[in-house]
Amino acid sequence: MRISRSTTHSDLLSLEAAVTVARSGFACIFSSSDEYERALITERRAQGRYGARPRNWLITFIALAIAVAGATIYRV
């Protein structure tokens, strides 16, 4: 079996083109993981996923104070 040089060369060019196309599918638009995380958090904030947490510190403090007072009175 004889393989012509022109067929081998065209096959090689075709293979290189296929490799280039395949590699482009793995390209990432972010240069680092920090850049990706920053973009992800920005997008999630825009969607409203990171809403402001309610400030229940006063309620928590009052409940804790009542519990401590109750435990103190119970032990006495």
N, C-alpha and C. Protein backbone atom coordinates (compact mmCIF):
# COMPACT_ATOMS: atom_id res chain seq x y z
N MET A 1 0.84 -1.17 0.00
CA MET A 1 0.00 0.00 0.00
C MET A 1 0.89 1.24 0.00
N ARG A 2 0.56 2.11 -0.90
CA ARG A 2 1.36 3.32 -1.03
C ARG A 2 0.54 4.54 -0.64
N ILE A 3 1.11 5.39 0.22
CA ILE A 3 0.43 6.61 0.67
C ILE A 3 1.12 7.79 0.01
N SER A 4 0.32 8.58 -0.66
CA SER A 4 0.92 9.73 -1.35
C SER A 4 1.23 10.82 -0.34
N ARG A 5 2.23 11.60 -0.66
CA ARG A 5 2.68 12.67 0.23
C ARG A 5 1.62 13.76 0.36
N SER A 6 0.91 14.08 -0.71
CA SER A 6 -0.10 15.14 -0.66
C SER A 6 -1.28 14.74 0.22
N THR A 7 -1.65 13.46 0.21
CA THR A 7 -2.74 13.00 1.06
C THR A 7 -2.33 13.09 2.53
N THR A 8 -1.12 12.71 2.83
CA THR A 8 -0.64 12.76 4.20
C THR A 8 -0.58 14.21 4.69
N HIS A 9 -0.12 15.10 3.83
CA HIS A 9 -0.02 16.50 4.22
C HIS A 9 -1.41 17.10 4.44
N SER A 10 -2.35 16.81 3.59
CA SER A 10 -3.71 17.36 3.76
C SER A 10 -4.38 16.75 5.00
N ASP A 11 -4.11 15.46 5.24
CA ASP A 11 -4.64 14.83 6.45
C ASP A 11 -4.06 15.48 7.70
N LEU A 12 -2.78 15.80 7.65
CA LEU A 12 -2.12 16.44 8.77
C LEU A 12 -2.70 17.83 9.03
N LEU A 13 -2.93 18.59 7.98
CA LEU A 13 -3.52 19.92 8.12
C LEU A 13 -4.95 19.81 8.68
N SER A 14 -5.68 18.82 8.19
CA SER A 14 -7.04 18.61 8.68
C SER A 14 -7.02 18.25 10.17
N LEU A 15 -6.08 17.41 10.55
CA LEU A 15 -5.95 17.02 11.95
C LEU A 15 -5.57 18.21 12.83
N GLU A 16 -4.66 19.03 12.38
CA GLU A 16 -4.27 20.23 13.14
C GLU A 16 -5.44 21.18 13.30
N ALA A 17 -6.25 21.33 12.26
CA ALA A 17 -7.44 22.20 12.34
C ALA A 17 -8.43 21.64 13.37
N ALA A 18 -8.60 20.32 13.37
CA ALA A 18 -9.51 19.69 14.33
C ALA A 18 -9.01 19.87 15.77
N VAL A 19 -7.70 19.79 15.97
CA VAL A 19 -7.12 19.99 17.29
C VAL A 19 -7.35 21.42 17.76
N THR A 20 -7.17 22.37 16.87
CA THR A 20 -7.37 23.78 17.21
C THR A 20 -8.81 24.03 17.63
N VAL A 21 -9.75 23.45 16.89
CA VAL A 21 -11.17 23.62 17.22
C VAL A 21 -11.48 22.96 18.56
N ALA A 22 -10.93 21.78 18.79
CA ALA A 22 -11.18 21.07 20.04
C ALA A 22 -10.62 21.83 21.24
N ARG A 23 -9.45 22.40 21.09
CA ARG A 23 -8.85 23.14 22.21
C ARG A 23 -9.60 24.41 22.52
N SER A 24 -10.19 25.03 21.51
CA SER A 24 -10.91 26.28 21.75
C SER A 24 -12.13 26.04 22.62
N GLY A 25 -12.65 24.83 22.64
CA GLY A 25 -13.78 24.51 23.49
C GLY A 25 -13.43 24.50 24.96
N PHE A 26 -12.17 24.35 25.28
CA PHE A 26 -11.73 24.31 26.67
C PHE A 26 -11.22 25.66 27.17
N ALA A 27 -11.29 26.67 26.35
CA ALA A 27 -10.78 27.98 26.74
C ALA A 27 -11.66 28.58 27.83
N CYS A 28 -11.07 29.28 28.73
CA CYS A 28 -11.79 29.91 29.84
C CYS A 28 -11.65 31.42 29.70
N ILE A 29 -12.74 32.12 29.96
CA ILE A 29 -12.68 33.57 29.81
C ILE A 29 -12.04 34.25 31.01
N PHE A 30 -11.80 33.49 32.08
CA PHE A 30 -11.19 34.06 33.27
C PHE A 30 -9.72 33.67 33.33
N SER A 31 -8.89 34.60 33.75
CA SER A 31 -7.45 34.33 33.80
C SER A 31 -7.02 33.66 35.10
N SER A 32 -7.87 33.73 36.13
CA SER A 32 -7.52 33.10 37.40
C SER A 32 -8.79 32.72 38.15
N SER A 33 -8.63 31.92 39.17
CA SER A 33 -9.79 31.52 39.97
C SER A 33 -10.35 32.71 40.76
N ASP A 34 -9.47 33.63 41.15
CA ASP A 34 -9.95 34.82 41.87
C ASP A 34 -10.87 35.65 40.99
N GLU A 35 -10.49 35.78 39.72
CA GLU A 35 -11.32 36.54 38.78
C GLU A 35 -12.67 35.85 38.58
N TYR A 36 -12.65 34.53 38.50
CA TYR A 36 -13.90 33.77 38.34
C TYR A 36 -14.81 33.95 39.56
N GLU A 37 -14.24 33.82 40.77
CA GLU A 37 -15.04 33.96 41.98
C GLU A 37 -15.61 35.37 42.12
N ARG A 38 -14.82 36.38 41.75
CA ARG A 38 -15.30 37.76 41.80
C ARG A 38 -16.49 37.95 40.86
N ALA A 39 -16.38 37.41 39.65
CA ALA A 39 -17.48 37.52 38.69
C ALA A 39 -18.70 36.74 39.16
N LEU A 40 -18.48 35.59 39.76
CA LEU A 40 -19.58 34.78 40.26
C LEU A 40 -20.34 35.49 41.37
N ILE A 41 -19.61 36.06 42.32
CA ILE A 41 -20.24 36.77 43.43
C ILE A 41 -20.97 38.01 42.93
N THR A 42 -20.37 38.72 41.98
CA THR A 42 -21.02 39.90 41.41
C THR A 42 -22.34 39.52 40.75
N GLU A 43 -22.33 38.43 40.00
CA GLU A 43 -23.55 37.98 39.33
C GLU A 43 -24.60 37.54 40.35
N ARG A 44 -24.21 36.85 41.38
CA ARG A 44 -25.17 36.41 42.40
C ARG A 44 -25.74 37.58 43.17
N ARG A 45 -24.92 38.60 43.42
CA ARG A 45 -25.45 39.80 44.09
C ARG A 45 -26.47 40.49 43.20
N ALA A 46 -26.19 40.52 41.89
CA ALA A 46 -27.13 41.14 40.96
C ALA A 46 -28.45 40.38 40.94
N GLN A 47 -28.41 39.08 41.16
CA GLN A 47 -29.63 38.27 41.20
C GLN A 47 -30.35 38.39 42.54
N GLY A 48 -29.70 38.97 43.54
CA GLY A 48 -30.32 39.14 44.85
C GLY A 48 -30.13 37.97 45.78
N ARG A 49 -29.19 37.10 45.49
CA ARG A 49 -28.97 35.93 46.35
C ARG A 49 -28.32 36.30 47.67
N TYR A 50 -27.52 37.37 47.67
CA TYR A 50 -26.84 37.78 48.89
C TYR A 50 -27.54 39.00 49.45
N GLY A 51 -28.74 38.81 49.95
CA GLY A 51 -29.49 39.92 50.51
C GLY A 51 -28.95 40.31 51.88
N ALA A 52 -29.38 41.45 52.34
CA ALA A 52 -28.94 41.91 53.66
C ALA A 52 -29.55 41.00 54.73
N ARG A 53 -28.74 40.61 55.66
CA ARG A 53 -29.22 39.77 56.75
C ARG A 53 -29.97 40.64 57.75
N PRO A 54 -31.05 40.11 58.28
CA PRO A 54 -31.75 40.90 59.31
C PRO A 54 -30.90 41.02 60.57
N ARG A 55 -30.98 42.14 61.19
CA ARG A 55 -30.18 42.37 62.39
C ARG A 55 -31.02 42.03 63.62
N ASN A 56 -30.88 40.81 64.05
CA ASN A 56 -31.63 40.33 65.21
C ASN A 56 -30.76 40.25 66.45
N TRP A 57 -29.71 41.06 66.50
CA TRP A 57 -28.82 41.01 67.64
C TRP A 57 -29.52 41.41 68.93
N LEU A 58 -30.38 42.39 68.85
CA LEU A 58 -31.09 42.86 70.05
C LEU A 58 -32.01 41.76 70.58
N ILE A 59 -32.74 41.11 69.69
CA ILE A 59 -33.64 40.04 70.10
C ILE A 59 -32.84 38.88 70.69
N THR A 60 -31.72 38.54 70.07
CA THR A 60 -30.87 37.47 70.56
C THR A 60 -30.31 37.81 71.93
N PHE A 61 -29.86 39.04 72.11
CA PHE A 61 -29.32 39.47 73.39
C PHE A 61 -30.38 39.41 74.49
N ILE A 62 -31.58 39.87 74.20
CA ILE A 62 -32.66 39.85 75.19
C ILE A 62 -33.02 38.41 75.56
N ALA A 63 -33.11 37.52 74.57
CA ALA A 63 -33.43 36.12 74.84
C ALA A 63 -32.33 35.47 75.69
N LEU A 64 -31.10 35.78 75.40
CA LEU A 64 -29.99 35.23 76.18
C LEU A 64 -30.01 35.77 77.61
N ALA A 65 -30.30 37.05 77.75
CA ALA A 65 -30.36 37.65 79.10
C ALA A 65 -31.48 37.02 79.92
N ILE A 66 -32.61 36.77 79.30
CA ILE A 66 -33.73 36.13 80.00
C ILE A 66 -33.36 34.71 80.40
N ALA A 67 -32.68 33.99 79.50
CA ALA A 67 -32.27 32.61 79.81
C ALA A 67 -31.27 32.58 80.97
N VAL A 68 -30.30 33.49 80.97
CA VAL A 68 -29.33 33.55 82.06
C VAL A 68 -30.02 33.92 83.37
N ALA A 69 -30.93 34.88 83.30
CA ALA A 69 -31.65 35.28 84.52
C ALA A 69 -32.50 34.12 85.03
N GLY A 70 -33.16 33.41 84.13
CA GLY A 70 -33.98 32.27 84.53
C GLY A 70 -33.15 31.17 85.16
N ALA A 71 -32.00 30.89 84.58
CA ALA A 71 -31.12 29.85 85.13
C ALA A 71 -30.58 30.27 86.48
N THR A 72 -30.27 31.56 86.66
CA THR A 72 -29.76 32.06 87.92
C THR A 72 -30.84 31.98 89.01
N ILE A 73 -32.03 32.36 88.68
CA ILE A 73 -33.12 32.32 89.66
C ILE A 73 -33.47 30.87 90.01
N TYR A 74 -33.43 29.99 89.06
CA TYR A 74 -33.75 28.58 89.30
C TYR A 74 -32.76 27.92 90.25
N ARG A 75 -31.48 28.29 90.12
CA ARG A 75 -30.45 27.69 90.97
C ARG A 75 -30.49 28.24 92.38
N VAL A 76 -31.06 29.39 92.58
CA VAL A 76 -31.04 30.00 93.92
C VAL A 76 -32.10 29.47 94.79
